[in-house]
Amino acid sequence: MASKNRLKYVVVAVMLILAGVAMADALGAFNPKPYTKVSKGSHAHYVPADRDPDVSITRFPKRPPGPGETITPQGQIVRKN
């Protein structure tokens, strides 16, 4: 009987850990890129993690930054320094 109770606790613990990992992934904790792709209808905008909340998503570029480029918090693609 004790092994069944222990199994229940192990299953619940594993489920909680998996739910925590899924939540962290959904919040972008494992995103190595400094920007996020935001789908908007038939296209997507690329938004930096430090975006200015006063700037509309539509002001951000529809293409990802290339090598040596970055997206400013206001939505411009510029060369990295």
PDB file of N, CA and C in Angstrom:
ATOM      1  N   MET A   1       0.819  -1.197   0.000  1.00  0.00           N
ATOM      2  CA  MET A   1       0.000   0.000   0.000  1.00  0.00           C
ATOM      3  C   MET A   1       0.861   1.260   0.000  1.00  0.00           C
ATOM      4  N   ALA A   2       1.941   1.227   0.729  1.00  0.00           N
ATOM      5  CA  ALA A   2       2.808   2.402   0.800  1.00  0.00           C
ATOM      6  C   ALA A   2       3.446   2.696  -0.551  1.00  0.00           C
ATOM      7  N   SER A   3       3.722   1.663  -1.329  1.00  0.00           N
ATOM      8  CA  SER A   3       4.340   1.894  -2.633  1.00  0.00           C
ATOM      9  C   SER A   3       3.369   2.575  -3.598  1.00  0.00           C
ATOM     10  N   LYS A   4       2.067   2.298  -3.475  1.00  0.00           N
ATOM     11  CA  LYS A   4       1.084   2.975  -4.324  1.00  0.00           C
ATOM     12  C   LYS A   4       1.004   4.461  -3.983  1.00  0.00           C
ATOM     13  N   ASN A   5       1.048   4.786  -2.701  1.00  0.00           N
ATOM     14  CA  ASN A   5       1.030   6.194  -2.299  1.00  0.00           C
ATOM     15  C   ASN A   5       2.289   6.906  -2.782  1.00  0.00           C
ATOM     16  N   ARG A   6       3.411   6.241  -2.668  1.00  0.00           N
ATOM     17  CA  ARG A   6       4.674   6.829  -3.114  1.00  0.00           C
ATOM     18  C   ARG A   6       4.636   7.054  -4.626  1.00  0.00           C
ATOM     19  N   LEU A   7       4.079   6.106  -5.353  1.00  0.00           N
ATOM     20  CA  LEU A   7       3.964   6.234  -6.806  1.00  0.00           C
ATOM     21  C   LEU A   7       3.087   7.431  -7.179  1.00  0.00           C
ATOM     22  N   LYS A   8       2.014   7.633  -6.449  1.00  0.00           N
ATOM     23  CA  LYS A   8       1.145   8.789  -6.703  1.00  0.00           C
ATOM     24  C   LYS A   8       1.920  10.093  -6.531  1.00  0.00           C
ATOM     25  N   TYR A   9       2.701  10.182  -5.469  1.00  0.00           N
ATOM     26  CA  TYR A   9       3.478  11.397  -5.225  1.00  0.00           C
ATOM     27  C   TYR A   9       4.539  11.611  -6.301  1.00  0.00           C
ATOM     28  N   VAL A  10       5.143  10.539  -6.753  1.00  0.00           N
ATOM     29  CA  VAL A  10       6.152  10.651  -7.812  1.00  0.00           C
ATOM     30  C   VAL A  10       5.496  11.125  -9.104  1.00  0.00           C
ATOM     31  N   VAL A  11       4.354  10.564  -9.440  1.00  0.00           N
ATOM     32  CA  VAL A  11       3.647  10.967 -10.660  1.00  0.00           C
ATOM     33  C   VAL A  11       3.233  12.435 -10.573  1.00  0.00           C
ATOM     34  N   VAL A  12       2.707  12.848  -9.448  1.00  0.00           N
ATOM     35  CA  VAL A  12       2.303  14.248  -9.276  1.00  0.00           C
ATOM     36  C   VAL A  12       3.523  15.165  -9.363  1.00  0.00           C
ATOM     37  N   ALA A  13       4.619  14.779  -8.753  1.00  0.00           N
ATOM     38  CA  ALA A  13       5.834  15.596  -8.800  1.00  0.00           C
ATOM     39  C   ALA A  13       6.351  15.725 -10.227  1.00  0.00           C
ATOM     40  N   VAL A  14       6.355  14.639 -10.976  1.00  0.00           N
ATOM     41  CA  VAL A  14       6.809  14.678 -12.370  1.00  0.00           C
ATOM     42  C   VAL A  14       5.891  15.572 -13.196  1.00  0.00           C
ATOM     43  N   MET A  15       4.601  15.474 -12.974  1.00  0.00           N
ATOM     44  CA  MET A  15       3.656  16.319 -13.718  1.00  0.00           C
ATOM     45  C   MET A  15       3.866  17.797 -13.391  1.00  0.00           C
ATOM     46  N   LEU A  16       4.119  18.113 -12.135  1.00  0.00           N
ATOM     47  CA  LEU A  16       4.373  19.504 -11.757  1.00  0.00           C
ATOM     48  C   LEU A  16       5.663  20.028 -12.383  1.00  0.00           C
ATOM     49  N   ILE A  17       6.672  19.197 -12.416  1.00  0.00           N
ATOM     50  CA  ILE A  17       7.938  19.606 -13.037  1.00  0.00           C
ATOM     51  C   ILE A  17       7.739  19.846 -14.530  1.00  0.00           C
ATOM     52  N   LEU A  18       7.044  18.946 -15.197  1.00  0.00           N
ATOM     53  CA  LEU A  18       6.783  19.126 -16.629  1.00  0.00           C
ATOM     54  C   LEU A  18       5.942  20.374 -16.896  1.00  0.00           C
ATOM     55  N   ALA A  19       4.963  20.623 -16.050  1.00  0.00           N
ATOM     56  CA  ALA A  19       4.148  21.831 -16.209  1.00  0.00           C
ATOM     57  C   ALA A  19       5.000  23.081 -16.004  1.00  0.00           C
ATOM     58  N   GLY A  20       5.910  23.036 -15.057  1.00  0.00           N
ATOM     59  CA  GLY A  20       6.804  24.171 -14.824  1.00  0.00           C
ATOM     60  C   GLY A  20       7.727  24.429 -16.002  1.00  0.00           C
ATOM     61  N   VAL A  21       8.262  23.365 -16.578  1.00  0.00           N
ATOM     62  CA  VAL A  21       9.129  23.512 -17.749  1.00  0.00           C
ATOM     63  C   VAL A  21       8.329  24.053 -18.932  1.00  0.00           C
ATOM     64  N   ALA A  22       7.114  23.565 -19.117  1.00  0.00           N
ATOM     65  CA  ALA A  22       6.268  24.060 -20.207  1.00  0.00           C
ATOM     66  C   ALA A  22       5.943  25.540 -20.017  1.00  0.00           C
ATOM     67  N   MET A  23       5.672  25.942 -18.799  1.00  0.00           N
ATOM     68  CA  MET A  23       5.369  27.349 -18.519  1.00  0.00           C
ATOM     69  C   MET A  23       6.595  28.225 -18.776  1.00  0.00           C
ATOM     70  N   ALA A  24       7.746  27.778 -18.340  1.00  0.00           N
ATOM     71  CA  ALA A  24       8.977  28.540 -18.565  1.00  0.00           C
ATOM     72  C   ALA A  24       9.267  28.668 -20.056  1.00  0.00           C
ATOM     73  N   ASP A  25       9.034  27.603 -20.798  1.00  0.00           N
ATOM     74  CA  ASP A  25       9.249  27.649 -22.243  1.00  0.00           C
ATOM     75  C   ASP A  25       8.274  28.620 -22.901  1.00  0.00           C
ATOM     76  N   ALA A  26       7.035  28.602 -22.471  1.00  0.00           N
ATOM     77  CA  ALA A  26       6.033  29.512 -23.034  1.00  0.00           C
ATOM     78  C   ALA A  26       6.365  30.967 -22.729  1.00  0.00           C
ATOM     79  N   LEU A  27       7.003  31.210 -21.611  1.00  0.00           N
ATOM     80  CA  LEU A  27       7.377  32.575 -21.244  1.00  0.00           C
ATOM     81  C   LEU A  27       8.707  33.006 -21.856  1.00  0.00           C
ATOM     82  N   GLY A  28       9.350  32.120 -22.609  1.00  0.00           N
ATOM     83  CA  GLY A  28      10.571  32.480 -23.318  1.00  0.00           C
ATOM     84  C   GLY A  28      11.851  32.302 -22.534  1.00  0.00           C
ATOM     85  N   ALA A  29      11.824  31.539 -21.478  1.00  0.00           N
ATOM     86  CA  ALA A  29      13.026  31.356 -20.661  1.00  0.00           C
ATOM     87  C   ALA A  29      14.131  30.623 -21.415  1.00  0.00           C
ATOM     88  N   PHE A  30      13.769  29.831 -22.401  1.00  0.00           N
ATOM     89  CA  PHE A  30      14.759  29.054 -23.143  1.00  0.00           C
ATOM     90  C   PHE A  30      15.023  29.634 -24.531  1.00  0.00           C
ATOM     91  N   ASN A  31      14.587  30.854 -24.786  1.00  0.00           N
ATOM     92  CA  ASN A  31      14.760  31.492 -26.089  1.00  0.00           C
ATOM     93  C   ASN A  31      16.145  32.138 -26.160  1.00  0.00           C
ATOM     94  N   PRO A  32      17.043  31.604 -26.991  1.00  0.00           N
ATOM     95  CA  PRO A  32      18.392  32.165 -27.063  1.00  0.00           C
ATOM     96  C   PRO A  32      18.473  33.443 -27.904  1.00  0.00           C
ATOM     97  N   LYS A  33      17.435  33.746 -28.654  1.00  0.00           N
ATOM     98  CA  LYS A  33      17.463  34.921 -29.528  1.00  0.00           C
ATOM     99  C   LYS A  33      17.025  36.163 -28.759  1.00  0.00           C
ATOM    100  N   PRO A  34      17.584  37.314 -29.115  1.00  0.00           N
ATOM    101  CA  PRO A  34      17.206  38.556 -28.419  1.00  0.00           C
ATOM    102  C   PRO A  34      15.885  39.141 -28.919  1.00  0.00           C
ATOM    103  N   TYR A  35      15.186  38.407 -29.775  1.00  0.00           N
ATOM    104  CA  TYR A  35      13.908  38.884 -30.292  1.00  0.00           C
ATOM    105  C   TYR A  35      12.919  37.727 -30.353  1.00  0.00           C
ATOM    106  N   THR A  36      11.653  38.077 -30.512  1.00  0.00           N
ATOM    107  CA  THR A  36      10.587  37.085 -30.586  1.00  0.00           C
ATOM    108  C   THR A  36       9.790  37.311 -31.855  1.00  0.00           C
ATOM    109  N   LYS A  37       9.408  36.233 -32.496  1.00  0.00           N
ATOM    110  CA  LYS A  37       8.564  36.309 -33.689  1.00  0.00           C
ATOM    111  C   LYS A  37       7.113  36.356 -33.230  1.00  0.00           C
ATOM    112  N   VAL A  38       6.411  37.433 -33.587  1.00  0.00           N
ATOM    113  CA  VAL A  38       5.015  37.614 -33.194  1.00  0.00           C
ATOM    114  C   VAL A  38       4.153  37.506 -34.445  1.00  0.00           C
ATOM    115  N   SER A  39       3.343  36.461 -34.523  1.00  0.00           N
ATOM    116  CA  SER A  39       2.465  36.274 -35.684  1.00  0.00           C
ATOM    117  C   SER A  39       1.319  37.272 -35.622  1.00  0.00           C
ATOM    118  N   LYS A  40       1.029  37.843 -36.785  1.00  0.00           N
ATOM    119  CA  LYS A  40      -0.051  38.832 -36.869  1.00  0.00           C
ATOM    120  C   LYS A  40      -0.757  38.624 -38.202  1.00  0.00           C
ATOM    121  N   GLY A  41      -1.764  37.783 -38.185  1.00  0.00           N
ATOM    122  CA  GLY A  41      -2.490  37.495 -39.420  1.00  0.00           C
ATOM    123  C   GLY A  41      -1.651  36.661 -40.368  1.00  0.00           C
ATOM    124  N   SER A  42      -1.457  37.165 -41.583  1.00  0.00           N
ATOM    125  CA  SER A  42      -0.730  36.418 -42.603  1.00  0.00           C
ATOM    126  C   SER A  42       0.773  36.674 -42.572  1.00  0.00           C
ATOM    127  N   HIS A  43       1.238  37.460 -41.630  1.00  0.00           N
ATOM    128  CA  HIS A  43       2.666  37.771 -41.548  1.00  0.00           C
ATOM    129  C   HIS A  43       3.109  37.787 -40.085  1.00  0.00           C
ATOM    130  N   ALA A  44       4.379  38.039 -39.883  1.00  0.00           N
ATOM    131  CA  ALA A  44       4.916  38.074 -38.520  1.00  0.00           C
ATOM    132  C   ALA A  44       5.817  39.292 -38.359  1.00  0.00           C
ATOM    133  N   HIS A  45       5.890  39.780 -37.148  1.00  0.00           N
ATOM    134  CA  HIS A  45       6.789  40.880 -36.807  1.00  0.00           C
ATOM    135  C   HIS A  45       7.836  40.340 -35.842  1.00  0.00           C
ATOM    136  N   TYR A  46       9.032  40.877 -35.936  1.00  0.00           N
ATOM    137  CA  TYR A  46      10.127  40.470 -35.060  1.00  0.00           C
ATOM    138  C   TYR A  46      10.338  41.563 -34.024  1.00  0.00           C
ATOM    139  N   VAL A  47      10.124  41.201 -32.765  1.00  0.00           N
ATOM    140  CA  VAL A  47      10.085  42.168 -31.674  1.00  0.00           C
ATOM    141  C   VAL A  47      11.194  41.849 -30.670  1.00  0.00           C
ATOM    142  N   PRO A  48      12.003  42.855 -30.296  1.00  0.00           N
ATOM    143  CA  PRO A  48      13.067  42.597 -29.323  1.00  0.00           C
ATOM    144  C   PRO A  48      12.502  42.390 -27.918  1.00  0.00           C
ATOM    145  N   ALA A  49      13.277  41.731 -27.096  1.00  0.00           N
ATOM    146  CA  ALA A  49      12.850  41.466 -25.718  1.00  0.00           C
ATOM    147  C   ALA A  49      12.691  42.762 -24.925  1.00  0.00           C
ATOM    148  N   ASP A  50      13.472  43.771 -25.275  1.00  0.00           N
ATOM    149  CA  ASP A  50      13.423  45.042 -24.533  1.00  0.00           C
ATOM    150  C   ASP A  50      12.613  46.111 -25.268  1.00  0.00           C
ATOM    151  N   ARG A  51      11.556  45.689 -25.942  1.00  0.00           N
ATOM    152  CA  ARG A  51      10.791  46.635 -26.763  1.00  0.00           C
ATOM    153  C   ARG A  51      10.133  47.717 -25.925  1.00  0.00           C
ATOM    154  N   ASP A  52       9.933  48.850 -26.559  1.00  0.00           N
ATOM    155  CA  ASP A  52       9.236  49.968 -25.929  1.00  0.00           C
ATOM    156  C   ASP A  52       7.736  49.655 -25.966  1.00  0.00           C
ATOM    157  N   PRO A  53       7.074  49.552 -24.812  1.00  0.00           N
ATOM    158  CA  PRO A  53       5.653  49.189 -24.817  1.00  0.00           C
ATOM    159  C   PRO A  53       4.754  50.244 -25.462  1.00  0.00           C
ATOM    160  N   ASP A  54       5.268  51.449 -25.640  1.00  0.00           N
ATOM    161  CA  ASP A  54       4.472  52.503 -26.273  1.00  0.00           C
ATOM    162  C   ASP A  54       4.496  52.417 -27.799  1.00  0.00           C
ATOM    163  N   VAL A  55       5.352  51.553 -28.340  1.00  0.00           N
ATOM    164  CA  VAL A  55       5.470  51.400 -29.791  1.00  0.00           C
ATOM    165  C   VAL A  55       4.604  50.218 -30.223  1.00  0.00           C
ATOM    166  N   SER A  56       3.778  50.437 -31.232  1.00  0.00           N
ATOM    167  CA  SER A  56       2.875  49.400 -31.730  1.00  0.00           C
ATOM    168  C   SER A  56       3.661  48.253 -32.371  1.00  0.00           C
ATOM    169  N   ILE A  57       3.129  47.059 -32.270  1.00  0.00           N
ATOM    170  CA  ILE A  57       3.759  45.881 -32.883  1.00  0.00           C
ATOM    171  C   ILE A  57       3.910  46.083 -34.388  1.00  0.00           C
ATOM    172  N   THR A  58       2.993  46.799 -35.002  1.00  0.00           N
ATOM    173  CA  THR A  58       3.051  46.999 -36.452  1.00  0.00           C
ATOM    174  C   THR A  58       4.261  47.821 -36.885  1.00  0.00           C
ATOM    175  N   ARG A  59       4.917  48.501 -35.966  1.00  0.00           N
ATOM    176  CA  ARG A  59       6.103  49.298 -36.296  1.00  0.00           C
ATOM    177  C   ARG A  59       7.376  48.458 -36.329  1.00  0.00           C
ATOM    178  N   PHE A  60       7.295  47.203 -35.924  1.00  0.00           N
ATOM    179  CA  PHE A  60       8.474  46.345 -35.894  1.00  0.00           C
ATOM    180  C   PHE A  60       8.631  45.625 -37.230  1.00  0.00           C
ATOM    181  N   PRO A  61       9.872  45.258 -37.577  1.00  0.00           N
ATOM    182  CA  PRO A  61      10.130  44.686 -38.902  1.00  0.00           C
ATOM    183  C   PRO A  61       9.467  43.326 -39.112  1.00  0.00           C
ATOM    184  N   LYS A  62       9.249  43.034 -40.387  1.00  0.00           N
ATOM    185  CA  LYS A  62       8.649  41.756 -40.764  1.00  0.00           C
ATOM    186  C   LYS A  62       9.708  40.730 -41.136  1.00  0.00           C
ATOM    187  N   ARG A  63      10.955  41.086 -40.977  1.00  0.00           N
ATOM    188  CA  ARG A  63      12.042  40.139 -41.239  1.00  0.00           C
ATOM    189  C   ARG A  63      12.965  40.100 -40.028  1.00  0.00           C
ATOM    190  N   PRO A  64      13.577  38.961 -39.800  1.00  0.00           N
ATOM    191  CA  PRO A  64      14.501  38.891 -38.661  1.00  0.00           C
ATOM    192  C   PRO A  64      15.772  39.682 -38.962  1.00  0.00           C
ATOM    193  N   PRO A  65      16.452  40.141 -37.945  1.00  0.00           N
ATOM    194  CA  PRO A  65      17.701  40.847 -38.195  1.00  0.00           C
ATOM    195  C   PRO A  65      18.742  39.887 -38.760  1.00  0.00           C
ATOM    196  N   GLY A  66      19.537  40.393 -39.667  1.00  0.00           N
ATOM    197  CA  GLY A  66      20.589  39.576 -40.261  1.00  0.00           C
ATOM    198  C   GLY A  66      21.812  39.519 -39.361  1.00  0.00           C
ATOM    199  N   PRO A  67      22.845  38.852 -39.825  1.00  0.00           N
ATOM    200  CA  PRO A  67      24.090  38.805 -39.047  1.00  0.00           C
ATOM    201  C   PRO A  67      24.651  40.219 -38.872  1.00  0.00           C
ATOM    202  N   GLY A  68      25.015  40.546 -37.672  1.00  0.00           N
ATOM    203  CA  GLY A  68      25.560  41.869 -37.388  1.00  0.00           C
ATOM    204  C   GLY A  68      24.507  42.949 -37.242  1.00  0.00           C
ATOM    205  N   GLU A  69      23.244  42.565 -37.198  1.00  0.00           N
ATOM    206  CA  GLU A  69      22.162  43.535 -37.035  1.00  0.00           C
ATOM    207  C   GLU A  69      21.403  43.251 -35.744  1.00  0.00           C
ATOM    208  N   THR A  70      20.693  44.252 -35.288  1.00  0.00           N
ATOM    209  CA  THR A  70      19.839  44.104 -34.110  1.00  0.00           C
ATOM    210  C   THR A  70      18.599  44.970 -34.297  1.00  0.00           C
ATOM    211  N   ILE A  71      17.582  44.692 -33.518  1.00  0.00           N
ATOM    212  CA  ILE A  71      16.349  45.478 -33.568  1.00  0.00           C
ATOM    213  C   ILE A  71      16.324  46.382 -32.341  1.00  0.00           C
ATOM    214  N   THR A  72      16.107  47.670 -32.572  1.00  0.00           N
ATOM    215  CA  THR A  72      16.045  48.614 -31.454  1.00  0.00           C
ATOM    216  C   THR A  72      14.697  48.488 -30.745  1.00  0.00           C
ATOM    217  N   PRO A  73      14.598  48.994 -29.529  1.00  0.00           N
ATOM    218  CA  PRO A  73      13.315  48.948 -28.813  1.00  0.00           C
ATOM    219  C   PRO A  73      12.195  49.706 -29.530  1.00  0.00           C
ATOM    220  N   GLN A  74      12.561  50.602 -30.459  1.00  0.00           N
ATOM    221  CA  GLN A  74      11.553  51.351 -31.208  1.00  0.00           C
ATOM    222  C   GLN A  74      11.207  50.695 -32.544  1.00  0.00           C
ATOM    223  N   GLY A  75      11.900  49.618 -32.916  1.00  0.00           N
ATOM    224  CA  GLY A  75      11.526  48.862 -34.102  1.00  0.00           C
ATOM    225  C   GLY A  75      12.397  49.024 -35.324  1.00  0.00           C
ATOM    226  N   GLN A  76      13.528  49.676 -35.229  1.00  0.00           N
ATOM    227  CA  GLN A  76      14.410  49.806 -36.385  1.00  0.00           C
ATOM    228  C   GLN A  76      15.471  48.705 -36.349  1.00  0.00           C
ATOM    229  N   ILE A  77      15.836  48.231 -37.532  1.00  0.00           N
ATOM    230  CA  ILE A  77      16.957  47.297 -37.633  1.00  0.00           C
ATOM    231  C   ILE A  77      18.207  48.130 -37.871  1.00  0.00           C
ATOM    232  N   VAL A  78      19.192  47.962 -37.008  1.00  0.00           N
ATOM    233  CA  VAL A  78      20.442  48.718 -37.109  1.00  0.00           C
ATOM    234  C   VAL A  78      21.624  47.759 -36.988  1.00  0.00           C
ATOM    235  N   ARG A  79      22.784  48.229 -37.428  1.00  0.00           N
ATOM    236  CA  ARG A  79      24.018  47.450 -37.284  1.00  0.00           C
ATOM    237  C   ARG A  79      24.434  47.415 -35.824  1.00  0.00           C
ATOM    238  N   LYS A  80      24.948  46.256 -35.406  1.00  0.00           N
ATOM    239  CA  LYS A  80      25.484  46.150 -34.046  1.00  0.00           C
ATOM    240  C   LYS A  80      26.801  46.898 -33.978  1.00  0.00           C
ATOM    241  N   ASN A  81      27.086  47.447 -32.829  1.00  0.00           N
ATOM    242  CA  ASN A  81      28.370  48.155 -32.647  1.00  0.00           C
ATOM    243  C   ASN A  81      29.452  47.187 -32.281  1.00  0.00           C
TER     244      ASN A  81
END
